[in-house]
PDB file of N, CA and C in Angstrom:
ATOM      1  N   MET A   1      99.482  91.430  98.681  1.00  0.00           N
ATOM      2  CA  MET A   1      99.253  90.089  98.206  1.00  0.00           C
ATOM      3  C   MET A   1      98.188  89.447  99.095  1.00  0.00           C
ATOM      4  N   ASP A   2      97.299  88.731  98.477  1.00  0.00           N
ATOM      5  CA  ASP A   2      96.200  88.057  99.156  1.00  0.00           C
ATOM      6  C   ASP A   2      96.735  86.871  99.972  1.00  0.00           C
ATOM      7  N   SER A   3      96.093  86.575 101.090  1.00  0.00           N
ATOM      8  CA  SER A   3      96.564  85.474 101.935  1.00  0.00           C
ATOM      9  C   SER A   3      96.409  84.127 101.238  1.00  0.00           C
ATOM     10  N   ASP A   4      95.348  83.965 100.441  1.00  0.00           N
ATOM     11  CA  ASP A   4      95.196  82.708  99.692  1.00  0.00           C
ATOM     12  C   ASP A   4      96.321  82.534  98.686  1.00  0.00           C
ATOM     13  N   LEU A   5      96.674  83.620  98.005  1.00  0.00           N
ATOM     14  CA  LEU A   5      97.759  83.550  97.023  1.00  0.00           C
ATOM     15  C   LEU A   5      99.087  83.233  97.698  1.00  0.00           C
ATOM     16  N   MET A   6      99.332  83.842  98.863  1.00  0.00           N
ATOM     17  CA  MET A   6     100.572  83.543  99.588  1.00  0.00           C
ATOM     18  C   MET A   6     100.618  82.082 100.011  1.00  0.00           C
ATOM     19  N   LEU A   7      99.488  81.554 100.439  1.00  0.00           N
ATOM     20  CA  LEU A   7      99.443  80.151 100.846  1.00  0.00           C
ATOM     21  C   LEU A   7      99.716  79.231  99.661  1.00  0.00           C
ATOM     22  N   VAL A   8      99.096  79.499  98.538  1.00  0.00           N
ATOM     23  CA  VAL A   8      99.271  78.651  97.353  1.00  0.00           C
ATOM     24  C   VAL A   8     100.702  78.719  96.829  1.00  0.00           C
ATOM     25  N   VAL A   9     101.271  79.909  96.765  1.00  0.00           N
ATOM     26  CA  VAL A   9     102.661  80.049  96.304  1.00  0.00           C
ATOM     27  C   VAL A   9     103.609  79.378  97.294  1.00  0.00           C
ATOM     28  N   GLY A  10     103.334  79.521  98.588  1.00  0.00           N
ATOM     29  CA  GLY A  10     104.178  78.877  99.598  1.00  0.00           C
ATOM     30  C   GLY A  10     104.146  77.367  99.498  1.00  0.00           C
ATOM     31  N   VAL A  11     102.969  76.806  99.308  1.00  0.00           N
ATOM     32  CA  VAL A  11     102.859  75.348  99.160  1.00  0.00           C
ATOM     33  C   VAL A  11     103.557  74.901  97.868  1.00  0.00           C
ATOM     34  N   GLY A  12     103.396  75.682  96.802  1.00  0.00           N
ATOM     35  CA  GLY A  12     104.061  75.346  95.536  1.00  0.00           C
ATOM     36  C   GLY A  12     105.572  75.367  95.661  1.00  0.00           C
ATOM     37  N   LEU A  13     106.109  76.386  96.330  1.00  0.00           N
ATOM     38  CA  LEU A  13     107.561  76.448  96.528  1.00  0.00           C
ATOM     39  C   LEU A  13     108.039  75.309  97.420  1.00  0.00           C
ATOM     40  N   GLY A  14     107.222  74.948  98.402  1.00  0.00           N
ATOM     41  CA  GLY A  14     107.587  73.820  99.251  1.00  0.00           C
ATOM     42  C   GLY A  14     107.642  72.513  98.480  1.00  0.00           C
ATOM     43  N   LEU A  15     106.719  72.357  97.554  1.00  0.00           N
ATOM     44  CA  LEU A  15     106.740  71.151  96.722  1.00  0.00           C
ATOM     45  C   LEU A  15     107.927  71.145  95.768  1.00  0.00           C
ATOM     46  N   LEU A  16     108.327  72.318  95.287  1.00  0.00           N
ATOM     47  CA  LEU A  16     109.503  72.395  94.411  1.00  0.00           C
ATOM     48  C   LEU A  16     110.801  72.136  95.167  1.00  0.00           C
ATOM     49  N   ALA A  17     110.788  72.345  96.465  1.00  0.00           N
ATOM     50  CA  ALA A  17     111.994  72.119  97.257  1.00  0.00           C
ATOM     51  C   ALA A  17     112.322  70.635  97.395  1.00  0.00           C
ATOM     52  N   ILE A  18     111.320  69.780  97.300  1.00  0.00           N
ATOM     53  CA  ILE A  18     111.546  68.347  97.496  1.00  0.00           C
ATOM     54  C   ILE A  18     112.477  67.760  96.427  1.00  0.00           C
ATOM     55  N   PRO A  19     112.231  67.984  95.116  1.00  0.00           N
ATOM     56  CA  PRO A  19     113.180  67.444  94.126  1.00  0.00           C
ATOM     57  C   PRO A  19     114.560  68.095  94.219  1.00  0.00           C
ATOM     58  N   ALA A  20     114.600  69.380  94.576  1.00  0.00           N
ATOM     59  CA  ALA A  20     115.890  70.045  94.727  1.00  0.00           C
ATOM     60  C   ALA A  20     116.681  69.431  95.878  1.00  0.00           C
ATOM     61  N   LEU A  21     115.988  69.100  96.945  1.00  0.00           N
ATOM     62  CA  LEU A  21     116.636  68.470  98.097  1.00  0.00           C
ATOM     63  C   LEU A  21     117.137  67.075  97.755  1.00  0.00           C
ATOM     64  N   ILE A  22     116.311  66.299  97.075  1.00  0.00           N
ATOM     65  CA  ILE A  22     116.715  64.944  96.691  1.00  0.00           C
ATOM     66  C   ILE A  22     117.885  64.985  95.713  1.00  0.00           C
ATOM     67  N   GLY A  23     117.836  65.908  94.756  1.00  0.00           N
ATOM     68  CA  GLY A  23     118.935  66.024  93.791  1.00  0.00           C
ATOM     69  C   GLY A  23     120.238  66.432  94.445  1.00  0.00           C
ATOM     70  N   ALA A  24     120.169  67.339  95.395  1.00  0.00           N
ATOM     71  CA  ALA A  24     121.391  67.777  96.069  1.00  0.00           C
ATOM     72  C   ALA A  24     122.001  66.646  96.886  1.00  0.00           C
ATOM     73  N   PHE A  25     121.164  65.907  97.607  1.00  0.00           N
ATOM     74  CA  PHE A  25     121.697  64.810  98.407  1.00  0.00           C
ATOM     75  C   PHE A  25     122.210  63.670  97.546  1.00  0.00           C
ATOM     76  N   SER A  26     121.579  63.422  96.403  1.00  0.00           N
ATOM     77  CA  SER A  26     122.032  62.321  95.550  1.00  0.00           C
ATOM     78  C   SER A  26     123.352  62.640  94.869  1.00  0.00           C
ATOM     79  N   GLU A  27     123.654  63.931  94.692  1.00  0.00           N
ATOM     80  CA  GLU A  27     124.916  64.330  94.079  1.00  0.00           C
ATOM     81  C   GLU A  27     125.958  64.753  95.109  1.00  0.00           C
ATOM     82  N   SER A  28     125.666  64.534  96.377  1.00  0.00           N
ATOM     83  CA  SER A  28     126.568  64.845  97.493  1.00  0.00           C
ATOM     84  C   SER A  28     127.034  66.294  97.485  1.00  0.00           C
ATOM     85  N   ARG A  29     126.100  67.200  97.313  1.00  0.00           N
ATOM     86  CA  ARG A  29     126.417  68.628  97.395  1.00  0.00           C
ATOM     87  C   ARG A  29     125.457  69.286  98.378  1.00  0.00           C
ATOM     88  N   PRO A  30     125.823  70.447  98.895  1.00  0.00           N
ATOM     89  CA  PRO A  30     124.947  71.090  99.884  1.00  0.00           C
ATOM     90  C   PRO A  30     123.626  71.537  99.255  1.00  0.00           C
ATOM     91  N   PRO A  31     122.531  71.353  99.961  1.00  0.00           N
ATOM     92  CA  PRO A  31     121.214  71.691  99.403  1.00  0.00           C
ATOM     93  C   PRO A  31     120.880  73.174  99.574  1.00  0.00           C
ATOM     94  N   ARG A  32     121.655  74.050  98.955  1.00  0.00           N
ATOM     95  CA  ARG A  32     121.447  75.488  99.121  1.00  0.00           C
ATOM     96  C   ARG A  32     120.140  75.955  98.488  1.00  0.00           C
ATOM     97  N   ALA A  33     119.876  75.545  97.266  1.00  0.00           N
ATOM     98  CA  ALA A  33     118.643  75.970  96.589  1.00  0.00           C
ATOM     99  C   ALA A  33     117.419  75.435  97.320  1.00  0.00           C
ATOM    100  N   ALA A  34     117.495  74.204  97.781  1.00  0.00           N
ATOM    101  CA  ALA A  34     116.375  73.630  98.516  1.00  0.00           C
ATOM    102  C   ALA A  34     116.158  74.368  99.832  1.00  0.00           C
ATOM    103  N   ALA A  35     117.231  74.749 100.495  1.00  0.00           N
ATOM    104  CA  ALA A  35     117.098  75.477 101.752  1.00  0.00           C
ATOM    105  C   ALA A  35     116.465  76.849 101.529  1.00  0.00           C
ATOM    106  N   ILE A  36     116.844  77.510 100.455  1.00  0.00           N
ATOM    107  CA  ILE A  36     116.245  78.811 100.142  1.00  0.00           C
ATOM    108  C   ILE A  36     114.767  78.657  99.820  1.00  0.00           C
ATOM    109  N   LEU A  37     114.423  77.627  99.040  1.00  0.00           N
ATOM    110  CA  LEU A  37     113.016  77.378  98.722  1.00  0.00           C
ATOM    111  C   LEU A  37     112.201  77.063  99.966  1.00  0.00           C
ATOM    112  N   VAL A  38     112.756  76.287 100.869  1.00  0.00           N
ATOM    113  CA  VAL A  38     112.042  75.947 102.107  1.00  0.00           C
ATOM    114  C   VAL A  38     111.839  77.195 102.959  1.00  0.00           C
ATOM    115  N   MET A  39     112.845  78.061 103.037  1.00  0.00           N
ATOM    116  CA  MET A  39     112.698  79.289 103.817  1.00  0.00           C
ATOM    117  C   MET A  39     111.646  80.212 103.212  1.00  0.00           C
ATOM    118  N   LEU A  40     111.666  80.362 101.891  1.00  0.00           N
ATOM    119  CA  LEU A  40     110.659  81.191 101.237  1.00  0.00           C
ATOM    120  C   LEU A  40     109.260  80.610 101.418  1.00  0.00           C
ATOM    121  N   ALA A  41     109.138  79.306 101.242  1.00  0.00           N
ATOM    122  CA  ALA A  41     107.834  78.650 101.387  1.00  0.00           C
ATOM    123  C   ALA A  41     107.300  78.796 102.803  1.00  0.00           C
ATOM    124  N   SER A  42     108.144  78.541 103.775  1.00  0.00           N
ATOM    125  CA  SER A  42     107.669  78.640 105.157  1.00  0.00           C
ATOM    126  C   SER A  42     107.330  80.080 105.515  1.00  0.00           C
ATOM    127  N   GLY A  43     108.086  81.043 105.012  1.00  0.00           N
ATOM    128  CA  GLY A  43     107.774  82.444 105.260  1.00  0.00           C
ATOM    129  C   GLY A  43     106.440  82.855 104.661  1.00  0.00           C
ATOM    130  N   LEU A  44     106.176  82.418 103.433  1.00  0.00           N
ATOM    131  CA  LEU A  44     104.900  82.737 102.799  1.00  0.00           C
ATOM    132  C   LEU A  44     103.726  82.060 103.500  1.00  0.00           C
ATOM    133  N   ILE A  45     103.893  80.825 103.913  1.00  0.00           N
ATOM    134  CA  ILE A  45     102.809  80.121 104.596  1.00  0.00           C
ATOM    135  C   ILE A  45     102.529  80.768 105.953  1.00  0.00           C
ATOM    136  N   VAL A  46     103.573  81.109 106.684  1.00  0.00           N
ATOM    137  CA  VAL A  46     103.380  81.766 107.981  1.00  0.00           C
ATOM    138  C   VAL A  46     102.722  83.127 107.797  1.00  0.00           C
ATOM    139  N   ALA A  47     103.142  83.874 106.785  1.00  0.00           N
ATOM    140  CA  ALA A  47     102.535  85.182 106.529  1.00  0.00           C
ATOM    141  C   ALA A  47     101.068  85.047 106.143  1.00  0.00           C
ATOM    142  N   ALA A  48     100.737  84.023 105.372  1.00  0.00           N
ATOM    143  CA  ALA A  48      99.337  83.811 104.978  1.00  0.00           C
ATOM    144  C   ALA A  48      98.476  83.470 106.183  1.00  0.00           C
ATOM    145  N   VAL A  49      98.977  82.604 107.054  1.00  0.00           N
ATOM    146  CA  VAL A  49      98.221  82.229 108.248  1.00  0.00           C
ATOM    147  C   VAL A  49      98.094  83.424 109.188  1.00  0.00           C
ATOM    148  N   TRP A  50      99.139  84.211 109.281  1.00  0.00           N
ATOM    149  CA  TRP A  50      99.142  85.369 110.173  1.00  0.00           C
ATOM    150  C   TRP A  50      98.219  86.474 109.656  1.00  0.00           C
ATOM    151  N   GLN A  51      98.145  86.613 108.327  1.00  0.00           N
ATOM    152  CA  GLN A  51      97.343  87.675 107.727  1.00  0.00           C
ATOM    153  C   GLN A  51      95.845  87.369 107.790  1.00  0.00           C
ATOM    154  N   LYS A  52      95.467  86.114 107.711  1.00  0.00           N
ATOM    155  CA  LYS A  52      94.043  85.747 107.756  1.00  0.00           C
ATOM    156  C   LYS A  52      93.614  85.624 109.216  1.00  0.00           C
ATOM    157  N   PRO A  53      92.637  86.397 109.636  1.00  0.00           N
ATOM    158  CA  PRO A  53      92.258  86.407 111.053  1.00  0.00           C
ATOM    159  C   PRO A  53      91.795  85.052 111.594  1.00  0.00           C
ATOM    160  N   SER A  54      91.064  84.299 110.795  1.00  0.00           N
ATOM    161  CA  SER A  54      90.584  82.999 111.275  1.00  0.00           C
ATOM    162  C   SER A  54      91.603  81.885 111.088  1.00  0.00           C
ATOM    163  N   GLY A  55      92.676  82.154 110.355  1.00  0.00           N
ATOM    164  CA  GLY A  55      93.691  81.141 110.108  1.00  0.00           C
ATOM    165  C   GLY A  55      93.247  80.134 109.063  1.00  0.00           C
ATOM    166  N   TYR A  56      94.065  79.122 108.843  1.00  0.00           N
ATOM    167  CA  TYR A  56      93.763  78.069 107.874  1.00  0.00           C
ATOM    168  C   TYR A  56      93.775  76.731 108.590  1.00  0.00           C
ATOM    169  N   SER A  57      92.883  75.873 108.184  1.00  0.00           N
ATOM    170  CA  SER A  57      92.955  74.479 108.605  1.00  0.00           C
ATOM    171  C   SER A  57      93.346  73.662 107.368  1.00  0.00           C
ATOM    172  N   ILE A  58      93.630  72.406 107.578  1.00  0.00           N
ATOM    173  CA  ILE A  58      94.035  71.555 106.458  1.00  0.00           C
ATOM    174  C   ILE A  58      92.917  71.465 105.421  1.00  0.00           C
ATOM    175  N   SER A  59      91.683  71.477 105.863  1.00  0.00           N
ATOM    176  CA  SER A  59      90.565  71.370 104.917  1.00  0.00           C
ATOM    177  C   SER A  59      90.350  72.663 104.130  1.00  0.00           C
ATOM    178  N   ASP A  60      90.940  73.783 104.563  1.00  0.00           N
ATOM    179  CA  ASP A  60      90.814  75.047 103.840  1.00  0.00           C
ATOM    180  C   ASP A  60      91.794  75.174 102.674  1.00  0.00           C
ATOM    181  N   VAL A  61      92.833  74.366 102.658  1.00  0.00           N
ATOM    182  CA  VAL A  61      93.874  74.505 101.632  1.00  0.00           C
ATOM    183  C   VAL A  61      93.343  74.197 100.231  1.00  0.00           C
ATOM    184  N   PRO A  62      92.596  73.113 100.001  1.00  0.00           N
ATOM    185  CA  PRO A  62      92.079  72.886  98.644  1.00  0.00           C
ATOM    186  C   PRO A  62      91.155  74.004  98.156  1.00  0.00           C
ATOM    187  N   SER A  63      90.347  74.550  99.041  1.00  0.00           N
ATOM    188  CA  SER A  63      89.473  75.649  98.617  1.00  0.00           C
ATOM    189  C   SER A  63      90.271  76.910  98.325  1.00  0.00           C
ATOM    190  N   ALA A  64      91.390  77.115  99.014  1.00  0.00           N
ATOM    191  CA  ALA A  64      92.257  78.252  98.697  1.00  0.00           C
ATOM    192  C   ALA A  64      92.866  78.071  97.307  1.00  0.00           C
ATOM    193  N   PHE A  65      93.257  76.842  96.975  1.00  0.00           N
ATOM    194  CA  PHE A  65      93.774  76.570  95.635  1.00  0.00           C
ATOM    195  C   PHE A  65      92.703  76.853  94.586  1.00  0.00           C
ATOM    196  N   GLU A  66      91.470  76.435  94.850  1.00  0.00           N
ATOM    197  CA  GLU A  66      90.381  76.671  93.902  1.00  0.00           C
ATOM    198  C   GLU A  66      90.143  78.165  93.690  1.00  0.00           C
ATOM    199  N   ARG A  67      90.151  78.934  94.773  1.00  0.00           N
ATOM    200  CA  ARG A  67      89.926  80.377  94.653  1.00  0.00           C
ATOM    201  C   ARG A  67      91.034  81.054  93.863  1.00  0.00           C
ATOM    202  N   VAL A  68      92.279  80.696  94.120  1.00  0.00           N
ATOM    203  CA  VAL A  68      93.402  81.322  93.423  1.00  0.00           C
ATOM    204  C   VAL A  68      93.412  80.932  91.954  1.00  0.00           C
ATOM    205  N   ILE A  69      93.253  79.660  91.666  1.00  0.00           N
ATOM    206  CA  ILE A  69      93.263  79.204  90.268  1.00  0.00           C
ATOM    207  C   ILE A  69      92.041  79.767  89.539  1.00  0.00           C
ATOM    208  N   GLY A  70      90.902  79.845  90.215  1.00  0.00           N
ATOM    209  CA  GLY A  70      89.695  80.414  89.621  1.00  0.00           C
ATOM    210  C   GLY A  70      89.868  81.854  89.234  1.00  0.00           C
ATOM    211  N   ARG A  71      90.629  82.619  90.035  1.00  0.00           N
ATOM    212  CA  ARG A  71      90.884  84.022  89.683  1.00  0.00           C
ATOM    213  C   ARG A  71      91.710  84.152  88.414  1.00  0.00           C
ATOM    214  N   PHE A  72      92.649  83.244  88.203  1.00  0.00           N
ATOM    215  CA  PHE A  72      93.499  83.339  87.021  1.00  0.00           C
ATOM    216  C   PHE A  72      92.841  82.759  85.781  1.00  0.00           C
ATOM    217  N   ILE A  73      91.897  81.851  85.939  1.00  0.00           N
ATOM    218  CA  ILE A  73      91.217  81.266  84.781  1.00  0.00           C
ATOM    219  C   ILE A  73      90.190  82.233  84.212  1.00  0.00           C
ATOM    220  N   ARG A  74      89.507  82.967  85.061  1.00  0.00           N
ATOM    221  CA  ARG A  74      88.476  83.888  84.578  1.00  0.00           C
ATOM    222  C   ARG A  74      89.026  84.970  83.763  1.00  0.00           C
TER     223      ARG A  74
END
């Protein structure tokens, strides 16, 4: 798996964890699904940063999204 793809999927899973976390807390139940999503997201983001020799900065994230989405649109 490409490091850009891992970063994009990790950020996407992290964003999906937010509504799951809010829903679990609002219904007074343990946030198991949100915790799993956060662990997967953080693992993918760490793997992406570790796999790319120069690493990622905050300004590199939008261009990584463009590259990944561009590959699927073509």
